[in-house]
Amino acid sequence: MCAKPAVADRRQAIIDAARHLFATRPYDRVTTSEIAKNAGVAYGLIAHHFENKRGLYLAVMNEIAEEIAAAQLSLPPAADAALADQLRHALRSHIAYIDSYSGSFVALLRGALGADTEHQEAVEQLRWIGAQRILLALGIIDPIPPVLRAAMHGWVGYLDEMMIDRITHRDIDADALVELAAAALVTTLKTTAAIEPSIVYSPEVLDAFESFG
């Protein structure tokens, strides 16, 4: 007689089944009974682990956000890599991850729950993790000047929308996207420094800026 899957395995099976369905259909067209059937578990386990469909949806979105955050934190190609190469590497890692889970990424960003505050917070946290990693590489730590905070939020949104366009049309080369995103970031950072005198970049950062033209 086969042993029953562990509790953690059953919970993950539910998340995996829900993730596939939420990535391929609108939220309102996915039922918990269908999720349970695809996961091979009893229907009541969804309520036991997640309370309801909204709770399960948020668990799926949080898992996607954590995976994207891990991709953003991947190591540069070499410990002594130039700052410009580190930036390009980080962007390529981000794009490669999203290419692997394009449907889930669009579901996360487009937010099937609309104005749900927990979903918005998950997306916001993910975006700011990426922005903070860039700022840390530039030697900028808290407190972040308001103009720079606003500018980085805008840049991350710009990158996300370019990724959604790439996913939708499938006709943009990844290297082209890297250069577009990097050039936009450099322009953003230069402009914020011109507006806010307290923002000062090191010679290494300024050299990296020049490598992007």
N, C-alpha and C. Protein backbone atom coordinates (compact mmCIF):
# COMPACT_ATOMS: atom_id res chain seq x y z
N MET A 1 0.85 -1.20 0.00
CA MET A 1 0.00 0.00 0.00
C MET A 1 0.88 1.25 0.00
N CYS A 2 0.59 2.18 -0.89
CA CYS A 2 1.40 3.39 -1.00
C CYS A 2 1.08 4.36 0.13
N ALA A 3 2.10 4.98 0.65
CA ALA A 3 1.90 5.97 1.71
C ALA A 3 1.32 7.25 1.11
N LYS A 4 0.52 7.95 1.90
CA LYS A 4 -0.05 9.22 1.44
C LYS A 4 1.04 10.28 1.38
N PRO A 5 0.94 11.21 0.44
CA PRO A 5 1.94 12.29 0.37
C PRO A 5 1.96 13.09 1.66
N ALA A 6 3.11 13.60 2.04
CA ALA A 6 3.23 14.43 3.24
C ALA A 6 2.38 15.68 3.10
N VAL A 7 2.04 16.28 4.25
CA VAL A 7 1.20 17.48 4.25
C VAL A 7 1.81 18.57 3.38
N ALA A 8 3.12 18.79 3.53
CA ALA A 8 3.78 19.84 2.75
C ALA A 8 3.71 19.54 1.26
N ASP A 9 3.82 18.26 0.89
CA ASP A 9 3.73 17.88 -0.52
C ASP A 9 2.35 18.13 -1.07
N ARG A 10 1.32 17.81 -0.28
CA ARG A 10 -0.05 18.04 -0.74
C ARG A 10 -0.33 19.53 -0.91
N ARG A 11 0.18 20.33 0.02
CA ARG A 11 0.01 21.78 -0.08
C ARG A 11 0.68 22.31 -1.34
N GLN A 12 1.90 21.83 -1.61
CA GLN A 12 2.61 22.29 -2.80
C GLN A 12 1.92 21.80 -4.07
N ALA A 13 1.36 20.60 -4.03
CA ALA A 13 0.64 20.09 -5.20
C ALA A 13 -0.55 20.99 -5.53
N ILE A 14 -1.22 21.49 -4.51
CA ILE A 14 -2.34 22.41 -4.72
C ILE A 14 -1.84 23.71 -5.35
N ILE A 15 -0.75 24.25 -4.83
CA ILE A 15 -0.19 25.49 -5.37
C ILE A 15 0.23 25.29 -6.82
N ASP A 16 0.87 24.15 -7.12
CA ASP A 16 1.33 23.90 -8.49
C ASP A 16 0.15 23.82 -9.46
N ALA A 17 -0.90 23.13 -9.05
CA ALA A 17 -2.08 23.00 -9.92
C ALA A 17 -2.75 24.35 -10.11
N ALA A 18 -2.88 25.12 -9.03
CA ALA A 18 -3.51 26.44 -9.11
C ALA A 18 -2.68 27.38 -9.96
N ARG A 19 -1.38 27.30 -9.81
CA ARG A 19 -0.48 28.18 -10.57
C ARG A 19 -0.66 27.98 -12.07
N HIS A 20 -0.74 26.72 -12.48
CA HIS A 20 -0.94 26.44 -13.91
C HIS A 20 -2.27 26.99 -14.40
N LEU A 21 -3.31 26.79 -13.62
CA LEU A 21 -4.64 27.24 -14.06
C LEU A 21 -4.75 28.77 -14.04
N PHE A 22 -4.24 29.42 -13.01
CA PHE A 22 -4.31 30.88 -12.94
C PHE A 22 -3.49 31.54 -14.04
N ALA A 23 -2.44 30.86 -14.50
CA ALA A 23 -1.59 31.42 -15.56
C ALA A 23 -2.22 31.28 -16.93
N THR A 24 -3.21 30.39 -17.05
CA THR A 24 -3.79 30.14 -18.37
C THR A 24 -5.24 30.60 -18.51
N ARG A 25 -5.88 30.94 -17.39
CA ARG A 25 -7.28 31.38 -17.44
C ARG A 25 -7.52 32.53 -16.48
N PRO A 26 -8.57 33.34 -16.75
CA PRO A 26 -8.93 34.40 -15.80
C PRO A 26 -9.28 33.81 -14.44
N TYR A 27 -9.02 34.57 -13.40
CA TYR A 27 -9.25 34.13 -12.02
C TYR A 27 -10.66 33.59 -11.82
N ASP A 28 -11.65 34.30 -12.34
CA ASP A 28 -13.05 33.92 -12.11
C ASP A 28 -13.45 32.64 -12.82
N ARG A 29 -12.64 32.18 -13.78
CA ARG A 29 -12.97 30.97 -14.52
C ARG A 29 -12.25 29.74 -13.99
N VAL A 30 -11.52 29.92 -12.90
CA VAL A 30 -10.84 28.79 -12.26
C VAL A 30 -11.63 28.44 -10.99
N THR A 31 -11.98 27.17 -10.84
CA THR A 31 -12.73 26.74 -9.66
C THR A 31 -11.84 25.94 -8.71
N THR A 32 -12.17 26.00 -7.44
CA THR A 32 -11.38 25.25 -6.45
C THR A 32 -11.55 23.75 -6.63
N SER A 33 -12.72 23.31 -7.10
CA SER A 33 -12.92 21.88 -7.33
C SER A 33 -12.01 21.38 -8.44
N GLU A 34 -11.82 22.21 -9.47
CA GLU A 34 -10.93 21.84 -10.57
C GLU A 34 -9.48 21.81 -10.09
N ILE A 35 -9.11 22.78 -9.26
CA ILE A 35 -7.75 22.79 -8.72
C ILE A 35 -7.49 21.53 -7.90
N ALA A 36 -8.43 21.17 -7.04
CA ALA A 36 -8.27 19.98 -6.20
C ALA A 36 -8.14 18.72 -7.07
N LYS A 37 -8.96 18.63 -8.11
CA LYS A 37 -8.91 17.47 -9.01
C LYS A 37 -7.54 17.38 -9.70
N ASN A 38 -7.06 18.50 -10.22
CA ASN A 38 -5.76 18.50 -10.91
C ASN A 38 -4.60 18.21 -9.96
N ALA A 39 -4.77 18.62 -8.70
CA ALA A 39 -3.72 18.38 -7.70
C ALA A 39 -3.77 16.97 -7.13
N GLY A 40 -4.89 16.28 -7.36
CA GLY A 40 -5.04 14.93 -6.84
C GLY A 40 -5.25 14.88 -5.35
N VAL A 41 -5.95 15.90 -4.82
CA VAL A 41 -6.19 15.95 -3.38
C VAL A 41 -7.68 16.14 -3.11
N ALA A 42 -8.07 15.92 -1.87
CA ALA A 42 -9.46 16.13 -1.49
C ALA A 42 -9.80 17.61 -1.53
N TYR A 43 -11.01 17.93 -1.94
CA TYR A 43 -11.44 19.32 -2.08
C TYR A 43 -11.26 20.12 -0.79
N GLY A 44 -11.53 19.50 0.34
CA GLY A 44 -11.46 20.20 1.62
C GLY A 44 -10.08 20.66 2.01
N LEU A 45 -9.04 20.09 1.38
CA LEU A 45 -7.68 20.50 1.73
C LEU A 45 -7.39 21.95 1.31
N ILE A 46 -8.09 22.44 0.29
CA ILE A 46 -7.87 23.83 -0.13
C ILE A 46 -8.28 24.77 0.99
N ALA A 47 -9.45 24.53 1.56
CA ALA A 47 -9.91 25.36 2.67
C ALA A 47 -9.00 25.18 3.89
N HIS A 48 -8.53 23.95 4.09
CA HIS A 48 -7.66 23.68 5.25
C HIS A 48 -6.36 24.46 5.17
N HIS A 49 -5.74 24.50 3.98
CA HIS A 49 -4.43 25.13 3.83
C HIS A 49 -4.50 26.63 3.50
N PHE A 50 -5.56 27.04 2.77
CA PHE A 50 -5.57 28.40 2.24
C PHE A 50 -6.84 29.19 2.57
N GLU A 51 -7.77 28.60 3.24
CA GLU A 51 -9.06 29.20 3.63
C GLU A 51 -10.03 29.28 2.45
N ASN A 52 -9.60 29.85 1.33
CA ASN A 52 -10.50 29.97 0.17
C ASN A 52 -9.67 30.20 -1.10
N LYS A 53 -10.35 30.42 -2.22
CA LYS A 53 -9.64 30.59 -3.49
C LYS A 53 -8.75 31.82 -3.47
N ARG A 54 -9.20 32.89 -2.85
CA ARG A 54 -8.38 34.10 -2.77
C ARG A 54 -7.08 33.81 -2.03
N GLY A 55 -7.16 33.09 -0.91
CA GLY A 55 -5.97 32.75 -0.15
C GLY A 55 -5.00 31.90 -0.97
N LEU A 56 -5.55 30.98 -1.75
CA LEU A 56 -4.71 30.14 -2.61
C LEU A 56 -4.08 30.99 -3.71
N TYR A 57 -4.84 31.89 -4.28
CA TYR A 57 -4.31 32.75 -5.34
C TYR A 57 -3.14 33.59 -4.80
N LEU A 58 -3.31 34.14 -3.61
CA LEU A 58 -2.25 34.96 -3.03
C LEU A 58 -1.01 34.11 -2.73
N ALA A 59 -1.20 32.85 -2.32
CA ALA A 59 -0.07 31.95 -2.08
C ALA A 59 0.69 31.70 -3.38
N VAL A 60 -0.05 31.52 -4.47
CA VAL A 60 0.58 31.34 -5.78
C VAL A 60 1.37 32.58 -6.18
N MET A 61 0.76 33.74 -6.03
CA MET A 61 1.43 34.98 -6.42
C MET A 61 2.69 35.23 -5.56
N ASN A 62 2.60 34.89 -4.27
CA ASN A 62 3.77 35.06 -3.40
C ASN A 62 4.91 34.13 -3.80
N GLU A 63 4.57 32.92 -4.22
CA GLU A 63 5.60 31.98 -4.66
C GLU A 63 6.30 32.51 -5.91
N ILE A 64 5.52 33.04 -6.86
CA ILE A 64 6.11 33.61 -8.07
C ILE A 64 7.02 34.78 -7.71
N ALA A 65 6.55 35.65 -6.81
CA ALA A 65 7.33 36.82 -6.41
C ALA A 65 8.65 36.40 -5.78
N GLU A 66 8.64 35.36 -4.94
CA GLU A 66 9.86 34.89 -4.30
C GLU A 66 10.84 34.34 -5.32
N GLU A 67 10.33 33.64 -6.33
CA GLU A 67 11.21 33.08 -7.36
C GLU A 67 11.86 34.18 -8.20
N ILE A 68 11.07 35.19 -8.54
CA ILE A 68 11.63 36.30 -9.32
C ILE A 68 12.66 37.05 -8.48
N ALA A 69 12.39 37.23 -7.19
CA ALA A 69 13.35 37.89 -6.32
C ALA A 69 14.66 37.11 -6.26
N ALA A 70 14.58 35.78 -6.21
CA ALA A 70 15.78 34.94 -6.19
C ALA A 70 16.57 35.10 -7.48
N ALA A 71 15.86 35.18 -8.60
CA ALA A 71 16.53 35.38 -9.89
C ALA A 71 17.23 36.73 -9.92
N GLN A 72 16.62 37.74 -9.34
CA GLN A 72 17.23 39.07 -9.30
C GLN A 72 18.50 39.09 -8.46
N LEU A 73 18.60 38.17 -7.49
CA LEU A 73 19.75 38.14 -6.59
C LEU A 73 20.84 37.17 -7.05
N SER A 74 20.72 36.64 -8.27
CA SER A 74 21.73 35.71 -8.77
C SER A 74 23.08 36.41 -8.87
N LEU A 75 24.15 35.65 -8.71
CA LEU A 75 25.50 36.22 -8.64
C LEU A 75 25.97 36.72 -9.99
N PRO A 76 26.85 37.74 -10.00
CA PRO A 76 27.42 38.22 -11.26
C PRO A 76 28.33 37.16 -11.86
N PRO A 77 28.70 37.28 -13.15
CA PRO A 77 29.51 36.25 -13.80
C PRO A 77 30.87 36.04 -13.16
N ALA A 78 31.42 37.04 -12.50
CA ALA A 78 32.70 36.91 -11.80
C ALA A 78 32.74 37.90 -10.66
N ALA A 79 33.48 37.54 -9.62
CA ALA A 79 33.51 38.40 -8.43
C ALA A 79 34.06 39.79 -8.73
N ASP A 80 34.96 39.85 -9.72
CA ASP A 80 35.57 41.15 -10.04
C ASP A 80 34.98 41.76 -11.31
N ALA A 81 33.78 41.33 -11.68
CA ALA A 81 33.15 41.84 -12.90
C ALA A 81 32.91 43.34 -12.79
N ALA A 82 33.07 44.02 -13.91
CA ALA A 82 32.81 45.46 -13.92
C ALA A 82 31.34 45.72 -13.60
N LEU A 83 31.06 46.90 -13.06
CA LEU A 83 29.70 47.24 -12.65
C LEU A 83 28.73 47.15 -13.82
N ALA A 84 29.13 47.61 -15.00
CA ALA A 84 28.25 47.55 -16.17
C ALA A 84 27.92 46.10 -16.51
N ASP A 85 28.91 45.19 -16.38
CA ASP A 85 28.67 43.77 -16.65
C ASP A 85 27.75 43.15 -15.60
N GLN A 86 27.90 43.59 -14.36
CA GLN A 86 27.02 43.09 -13.30
C GLN A 86 25.57 43.49 -13.58
N LEU A 87 25.39 44.72 -14.04
CA LEU A 87 24.04 45.19 -14.35
C LEU A 87 23.45 44.39 -15.50
N ARG A 88 24.23 44.20 -16.55
CA ARG A 88 23.73 43.42 -17.69
C ARG A 88 23.40 41.99 -17.27
N HIS A 89 24.25 41.41 -16.41
CA HIS A 89 24.01 40.05 -15.94
C HIS A 89 22.71 39.97 -15.14
N ALA A 90 22.51 40.94 -14.26
CA ALA A 90 21.28 40.95 -13.45
C ALA A 90 20.05 41.05 -14.34
N LEU A 91 20.12 41.90 -15.35
CA LEU A 91 18.98 42.06 -16.26
C LEU A 91 18.74 40.79 -17.08
N ARG A 92 19.81 40.16 -17.56
CA ARG A 92 19.66 38.91 -18.32
C ARG A 92 19.06 37.80 -17.46
N SER A 93 19.49 37.72 -16.19
CA SER A 93 18.95 36.71 -15.28
C SER A 93 17.46 36.93 -15.06
N HIS A 94 17.09 38.17 -14.88
CA HIS A 94 15.69 38.54 -14.69
C HIS A 94 14.87 38.15 -15.91
N ILE A 95 15.35 38.48 -17.10
CA ILE A 95 14.64 38.18 -18.34
C ILE A 95 14.54 36.67 -18.56
N ALA A 96 15.64 35.94 -18.29
CA ALA A 96 15.65 34.49 -18.48
C ALA A 96 14.63 33.81 -17.57
N TYR A 97 14.54 34.27 -16.32
CA TYR A 97 13.55 33.69 -15.42
C TYR A 97 12.14 33.94 -15.93
N ILE A 98 11.86 35.17 -16.30
CA ILE A 98 10.51 35.52 -16.74
C ILE A 98 10.15 34.77 -18.02
N ASP A 99 11.12 34.57 -18.91
CA ASP A 99 10.87 33.78 -20.12
C ASP A 99 10.42 32.36 -19.77
N SER A 100 10.95 31.82 -18.67
CA SER A 100 10.61 30.45 -18.26
C SER A 100 9.22 30.36 -17.65
N TYR A 101 8.76 31.46 -17.08
CA TYR A 101 7.45 31.47 -16.41
C TYR A 101 6.63 32.67 -16.88
N SER A 102 6.55 32.84 -18.18
CA SER A 102 5.93 34.04 -18.73
C SER A 102 4.46 34.19 -18.32
N GLY A 103 3.71 33.09 -18.37
CA GLY A 103 2.30 33.18 -18.00
C GLY A 103 2.11 33.58 -16.56
N SER A 104 2.91 33.00 -15.68
CA SER A 104 2.82 33.34 -14.25
C SER A 104 3.21 34.79 -14.01
N PHE A 105 4.21 35.28 -14.74
CA PHE A 105 4.65 36.66 -14.56
C PHE A 105 3.54 37.63 -14.95
N VAL A 106 2.90 37.39 -16.08
CA VAL A 106 1.81 38.27 -16.52
C VAL A 106 0.67 38.22 -15.50
N ALA A 107 0.36 37.02 -15.00
CA ALA A 107 -0.69 36.90 -13.99
C ALA A 107 -0.35 37.71 -12.74
N LEU A 108 0.91 37.66 -12.34
CA LEU A 108 1.34 38.41 -11.15
C LEU A 108 1.21 39.90 -11.37
N LEU A 109 1.72 40.38 -12.50
CA LEU A 109 1.73 41.83 -12.74
C LEU A 109 0.35 42.38 -13.04
N ARG A 110 -0.44 41.65 -13.79
CA ARG A 110 -1.77 42.15 -14.17
C ARG A 110 -2.76 42.03 -13.02
N GLY A 111 -2.48 41.14 -12.07
CA GLY A 111 -3.27 41.07 -10.84
C GLY A 111 -4.74 40.78 -11.04
N ALA A 112 -5.09 39.49 -11.15
CA ALA A 112 -6.48 39.11 -11.37
C ALA A 112 -7.40 39.55 -10.25
N LEU A 113 -6.83 39.84 -9.08
CA LEU A 113 -7.67 40.29 -7.97
C LEU A 113 -7.83 41.81 -7.94
N GLY A 114 -7.32 42.46 -8.97
CA GLY A 114 -7.56 43.90 -9.10
C GLY A 114 -6.99 44.71 -7.96
N ALA A 115 -7.85 45.30 -7.16
CA ALA A 115 -7.42 46.23 -6.11
C ALA A 115 -7.09 45.54 -4.79
N ASP A 116 -6.97 44.21 -4.78
CA ASP A 116 -6.66 43.50 -3.55
C ASP A 116 -5.33 44.00 -2.97
N THR A 117 -5.38 44.48 -1.74
CA THR A 117 -4.19 45.12 -1.15
C THR A 117 -3.04 44.15 -0.93
N GLU A 118 -3.33 42.90 -0.55
CA GLU A 118 -2.26 41.94 -0.32
C GLU A 118 -1.53 41.62 -1.63
N HIS A 119 -2.28 41.51 -2.71
CA HIS A 119 -1.65 41.25 -4.00
C HIS A 119 -0.80 42.44 -4.43
N GLN A 120 -1.32 43.63 -4.26
CA GLN A 120 -0.57 44.83 -4.62
C GLN A 120 0.71 44.94 -3.80
N GLU A 121 0.64 44.58 -2.52
CA GLU A 121 1.82 44.64 -1.66
C GLU A 121 2.89 43.64 -2.12
N ALA A 122 2.46 42.44 -2.57
CA ALA A 122 3.41 41.44 -3.05
C ALA A 122 4.14 41.95 -4.29
N VAL A 123 3.39 42.57 -5.21
CA VAL A 123 4.00 43.11 -6.42
C VAL A 123 4.93 44.26 -6.07
N GLU A 124 4.48 45.14 -5.19
CA GLU A 124 5.29 46.30 -4.79
C GLU A 124 6.58 45.86 -4.12
N GLN A 125 6.50 44.87 -3.24
CA GLN A 125 7.69 44.38 -2.56
C GLN A 125 8.68 43.80 -3.56
N LEU A 126 8.17 43.02 -4.50
CA LEU A 126 9.04 42.43 -5.52
C LEU A 126 9.74 43.51 -6.33
N ARG A 127 9.00 44.51 -6.77
CA ARG A 127 9.59 45.57 -7.57
C ARG A 127 10.66 46.33 -6.77
N TRP A 128 10.41 46.56 -5.51
CA TRP A 128 11.37 47.35 -4.73
C TRP A 128 12.61 46.54 -4.41
N ILE A 129 12.50 45.21 -4.29
CA ILE A 129 13.68 44.37 -4.09
C ILE A 129 14.64 44.55 -5.27
N GLY A 130 14.09 44.55 -6.48
CA GLY A 130 14.92 44.75 -7.66
C GLY A 130 15.55 46.13 -7.68
N ALA A 131 14.78 47.13 -7.33
CA ALA A 131 15.30 48.50 -7.31
C ALA A 131 16.39 48.66 -6.26
N GLN A 132 16.20 48.07 -5.08
CA GLN A 132 17.19 48.18 -4.01
C GLN A 132 18.50 47.50 -4.39
N ARG A 133 18.40 46.38 -5.10
CA ARG A 133 19.63 45.69 -5.51
C ARG A 133 20.47 46.59 -6.42
N ILE A 134 19.81 47.29 -7.33
CA ILE A 134 20.52 48.21 -8.23
C ILE A 134 21.14 49.34 -7.42
N LEU A 135 20.38 49.92 -6.51
CA LEU A 135 20.87 51.05 -5.72
C LEU A 135 22.03 50.64 -4.83
N LEU A 136 21.96 49.43 -4.26
CA LEU A 136 23.04 48.95 -3.40
C LEU A 136 24.34 48.81 -4.19
N ALA A 137 24.23 48.31 -5.43
CA ALA A 137 25.41 48.18 -6.29
C ALA A 137 26.03 49.53 -6.58
N LEU A 138 25.20 50.57 -6.56
CA LEU A 138 25.68 51.93 -6.82
C LEU A 138 26.16 52.62 -5.56
N GLY A 139 26.08 51.93 -4.42
CA GLY A 139 26.54 52.50 -3.16
C GLY A 139 25.52 53.41 -2.51
N ILE A 140 24.27 53.30 -2.90
CA ILE A 140 23.21 54.15 -2.33
C ILE A 140 22.38 53.32 -1.36
N ILE A 141 22.36 53.72 -0.10
CA ILE A 141 21.61 53.00 0.92
C ILE A 141 20.59 53.93 1.55
N ASP A 142 19.73 53.35 2.39
CA ASP A 142 18.71 54.16 3.07
C ASP A 142 19.36 55.26 3.92
N PRO A 143 18.71 56.41 4.04
CA PRO A 143 17.44 56.76 3.41
C PRO A 143 17.59 57.15 1.93
N ILE A 144 16.70 56.63 1.12
CA ILE A 144 16.72 56.93 -0.31
C ILE A 144 16.02 58.27 -0.55
N PRO A 145 16.67 59.21 -1.24
CA PRO A 145 16.01 60.49 -1.54
C PRO A 145 14.68 60.25 -2.26
N PRO A 146 13.63 60.98 -1.91
CA PRO A 146 12.31 60.76 -2.51
C PRO A 146 12.32 60.76 -4.04
N VAL A 147 13.08 61.70 -4.65
CA VAL A 147 13.08 61.77 -6.11
C VAL A 147 13.67 60.49 -6.71
N LEU A 148 14.67 59.90 -6.04
CA LEU A 148 15.28 58.66 -6.53
C LEU A 148 14.33 57.48 -6.31
N ARG A 149 13.66 57.47 -5.17
CA ARG A 149 12.68 56.41 -4.91
C ARG A 149 11.61 56.39 -5.98
N ALA A 150 11.05 57.57 -6.28
CA ALA A 150 10.00 57.66 -7.30
C ALA A 150 10.53 57.25 -8.67
N ALA A 151 11.75 57.69 -8.99
CA ALA A 151 12.33 57.37 -10.30
C ALA A 151 12.57 55.87 -10.45
N MET A 152 13.04 55.21 -9.39
CA MET A 152 13.30 53.78 -9.47
C MET A 152 12.02 52.97 -9.57
N HIS A 153 10.98 53.42 -8.89
CA HIS A 153 9.68 52.76 -9.06
C HIS A 153 9.24 52.86 -10.52
N GLY A 154 9.44 54.02 -11.12
CA GLY A 154 9.06 54.21 -12.52
C GLY A 154 9.88 53.33 -13.45
N TRP A 155 11.18 53.21 -13.18
CA TRP A 155 12.04 52.39 -14.04
C TRP A 155 11.67 50.91 -13.97
N VAL A 156 11.40 50.41 -12.77
CA VAL A 156 11.01 49.01 -12.63
C VAL A 156 9.70 48.75 -13.37
N GLY A 157 8.77 49.68 -13.28
CA GLY A 157 7.52 49.53 -14.02
C GLY A 157 7.75 49.50 -15.53
N TYR A 158 8.69 50.33 -15.98
CA TYR A 158 9.06 50.36 -17.40
C TYR A 158 9.61 49.01 -17.85
N LEU A 159 10.49 48.42 -17.04
CA LEU A 159 11.05 47.11 -17.36
C LEU A 159 9.96 46.04 -17.39
N ASP A 160 9.07 46.07 -16.42
CA ASP A 160 7.99 45.09 -16.38
C ASP A 160 7.12 45.17 -17.63
N GLU A 161 6.79 46.39 -18.05
CA GLU A 161 5.93 46.54 -19.23
C GLU A 161 6.65 46.09 -20.50
N MET A 162 7.97 46.30 -20.58
CA MET A 162 8.72 45.79 -21.72
C MET A 162 8.70 44.27 -21.74
N MET A 163 8.78 43.65 -20.57
CA MET A 163 8.73 42.19 -20.50
C MET A 163 7.37 41.66 -20.94
N ILE A 164 6.32 42.34 -20.55
CA ILE A 164 4.99 41.91 -20.97
C ILE A 164 4.84 42.03 -22.48
N ASP A 165 5.40 43.10 -23.06
CA ASP A 165 5.38 43.25 -24.52
C ASP A 165 6.15 42.11 -25.18
N ARG A 166 7.31 41.75 -24.62
CA ARG A 166 8.11 40.64 -25.17
C ARG A 166 7.34 39.33 -25.12
N ILE A 167 6.66 39.09 -24.00
CA ILE A 167 5.87 37.87 -23.83
C ILE A 167 4.70 37.84 -24.82
N THR A 168 4.09 39.00 -25.02
CA THR A 168 2.91 39.08 -25.90
C THR A 168 3.27 38.88 -27.36
N HIS A 169 4.35 39.53 -27.81
CA HIS A 169 4.67 39.54 -29.25
C HIS A 169 5.77 38.58 -29.66
N ARG A 170 6.62 38.17 -28.73
CA ARG A 170 7.67 37.19 -29.01
C ARG A 170 8.59 37.61 -30.16
N ASP A 171 8.88 38.88 -30.27
CA ASP A 171 9.71 39.34 -31.39
C ASP A 171 10.81 40.31 -30.95
N ILE A 172 11.11 40.35 -29.64
CA ILE A 172 12.16 41.22 -29.12
C ILE A 172 13.30 40.38 -28.57
N ASP A 173 14.51 40.61 -29.06
CA ASP A 173 15.68 39.88 -28.60
C ASP A 173 16.02 40.27 -27.16
N ALA A 174 16.44 39.31 -26.35
CA ALA A 174 16.74 39.57 -24.94
C ALA A 174 17.86 40.60 -24.78
N ASP A 175 18.90 40.52 -25.62
CA ASP A 175 20.00 41.47 -25.52
C ASP A 175 19.55 42.90 -25.82
N ALA A 176 18.61 43.03 -26.76
CA ALA A 176 18.06 44.36 -27.06
C ALA A 176 17.32 44.91 -25.85
N LEU A 177 16.59 44.03 -25.17
CA LEU A 177 15.84 44.45 -23.99
C LEU A 177 16.79 44.86 -22.87
N VAL A 178 17.88 44.13 -22.71
CA VAL A 178 18.89 44.47 -21.70
C VAL A 178 19.43 45.87 -21.94
N GLU A 179 19.78 46.17 -23.19
CA GLU A 179 20.35 47.48 -23.49
C GLU A 179 19.32 48.60 -23.32
N LEU A 180 18.08 48.35 -23.71
CA LEU A 180 17.02 49.35 -23.51
C LEU A 180 16.83 49.65 -22.03
N ALA A 181 16.74 48.59 -21.23
CA ALA A 181 16.52 48.77 -19.80
C ALA A 181 17.70 49.46 -19.13
N ALA A 182 18.92 49.07 -19.51
CA ALA A 182 20.12 49.67 -18.92
C ALA A 182 20.24 51.14 -19.29
N ALA A 183 19.98 51.46 -20.56
CA ALA A 183 20.07 52.86 -21.00
C ALA A 183 19.03 53.72 -20.28
N ALA A 184 17.83 53.18 -20.11
CA ALA A 184 16.79 53.93 -19.40
C ALA A 184 17.17 54.14 -17.94
N LEU A 185 17.79 53.13 -17.34
CA LEU A 185 18.22 53.25 -15.95
C LEU A 185 19.30 54.32 -15.81
N VAL A 186 20.27 54.32 -16.69
CA VAL A 186 21.35 55.31 -16.64
C VAL A 186 20.78 56.72 -16.77
N THR A 187 19.89 56.91 -17.72
CA THR A 187 19.27 58.23 -17.90
C THR A 187 18.51 58.65 -16.64
N THR A 188 17.79 57.69 -16.07
CA THR A 188 17.03 57.96 -14.84
C THR A 188 17.95 58.38 -13.71
N LEU A 189 19.04 57.65 -13.53
CA LEU A 189 19.96 57.94 -12.42
C LEU A 189 20.69 59.26 -12.62
N LYS A 190 21.09 59.55 -13.84
CA LYS A 190 21.74 60.83 -14.11
C LYS A 190 20.79 62.00 -13.85
N THR A 191 19.55 61.85 -14.25
CA THR A 191 18.57 62.93 -14.09
C THR A 191 18.27 63.17 -12.62
N THR A 192 18.14 62.09 -11.84
CA THR A 192 17.84 62.28 -10.42
C THR A 192 19.01 62.99 -9.71
N ALA A 193 20.24 62.67 -10.13
CA ALA A 193 21.41 63.34 -9.52
C ALA A 193 21.44 64.82 -9.87
N ALA A 194 20.98 65.15 -11.08
CA ALA A 194 20.94 66.56 -11.48
C ALA A 194 19.87 67.33 -10.70
N ILE A 195 18.80 66.62 -10.33
CA ILE A 195 17.71 67.25 -9.58
C ILE A 195 18.03 67.34 -8.10
N GLU A 196 18.64 66.28 -7.56
CA GLU A 196 18.90 66.20 -6.12
C GLU A 196 20.41 66.19 -5.87
N PRO A 197 20.99 67.31 -5.40
CA PRO A 197 22.44 67.44 -5.20
C PRO A 197 23.03 66.43 -4.20
N SER A 198 22.21 65.89 -3.31
CA SER A 198 22.73 64.94 -2.31
C SER A 198 23.09 63.59 -2.93
N ILE A 199 22.62 63.33 -4.15
CA ILE A 199 22.92 62.07 -4.82
C ILE A 199 24.25 62.22 -5.55
N VAL A 200 25.26 61.51 -5.08
CA VAL A 200 26.60 61.59 -5.66
C VAL A 200 27.07 60.17 -5.99
N TYR A 201 27.49 59.95 -7.23
CA TYR A 201 27.95 58.63 -7.66
C TYR A 201 29.47 58.58 -7.66
N SER A 202 30.01 57.38 -7.41
CA SER A 202 31.45 57.18 -7.39
C SER A 202 32.00 57.21 -8.82
N PRO A 203 33.32 57.40 -8.96
CA PRO A 203 33.93 57.36 -10.30
C PRO A 203 33.64 56.05 -11.04
N GLU A 204 33.61 54.93 -10.30
CA GLU A 204 33.32 53.63 -10.93
C GLU A 204 31.91 53.63 -11.53
N VAL A 205 30.96 54.19 -10.80
CA VAL A 205 29.58 54.25 -11.29
C VAL A 205 29.50 55.15 -12.51
N LEU A 206 30.16 56.29 -12.46
CA LEU A 206 30.14 57.21 -13.60
C LEU A 206 30.77 56.57 -14.84
N ASP A 207 31.84 55.79 -14.64
CA ASP A 207 32.44 55.06 -15.75
C ASP A 207 31.47 54.04 -16.34
N ALA A 208 30.73 53.36 -15.45
CA ALA A 208 29.74 52.39 -15.91
C ALA A 208 28.66 53.08 -16.73
N PHE A 209 28.23 54.27 -16.27
CA PHE A 209 27.24 55.03 -17.03
C PHE A 209 27.72 55.27 -18.46
N GLU A 210 28.99 55.65 -18.60
CA GLU A 210 29.53 55.97 -19.92
C GLU A 210 29.56 54.76 -20.86
N SER A 211 29.66 53.57 -20.29
CA SER A 211 29.73 52.37 -21.14
C SER A 211 28.42 52.08 -21.84
N PHE A 212 27.34 52.71 -21.38
CA PHE A 212 26.04 52.52 -22.01
C PHE A 212 25.74 53.62 -23.03
N GLY A 213 26.70 54.51 -23.26
CA GLY A 213 26.53 55.54 -24.28
C GLY A 213 25.69 56.71 -23.84
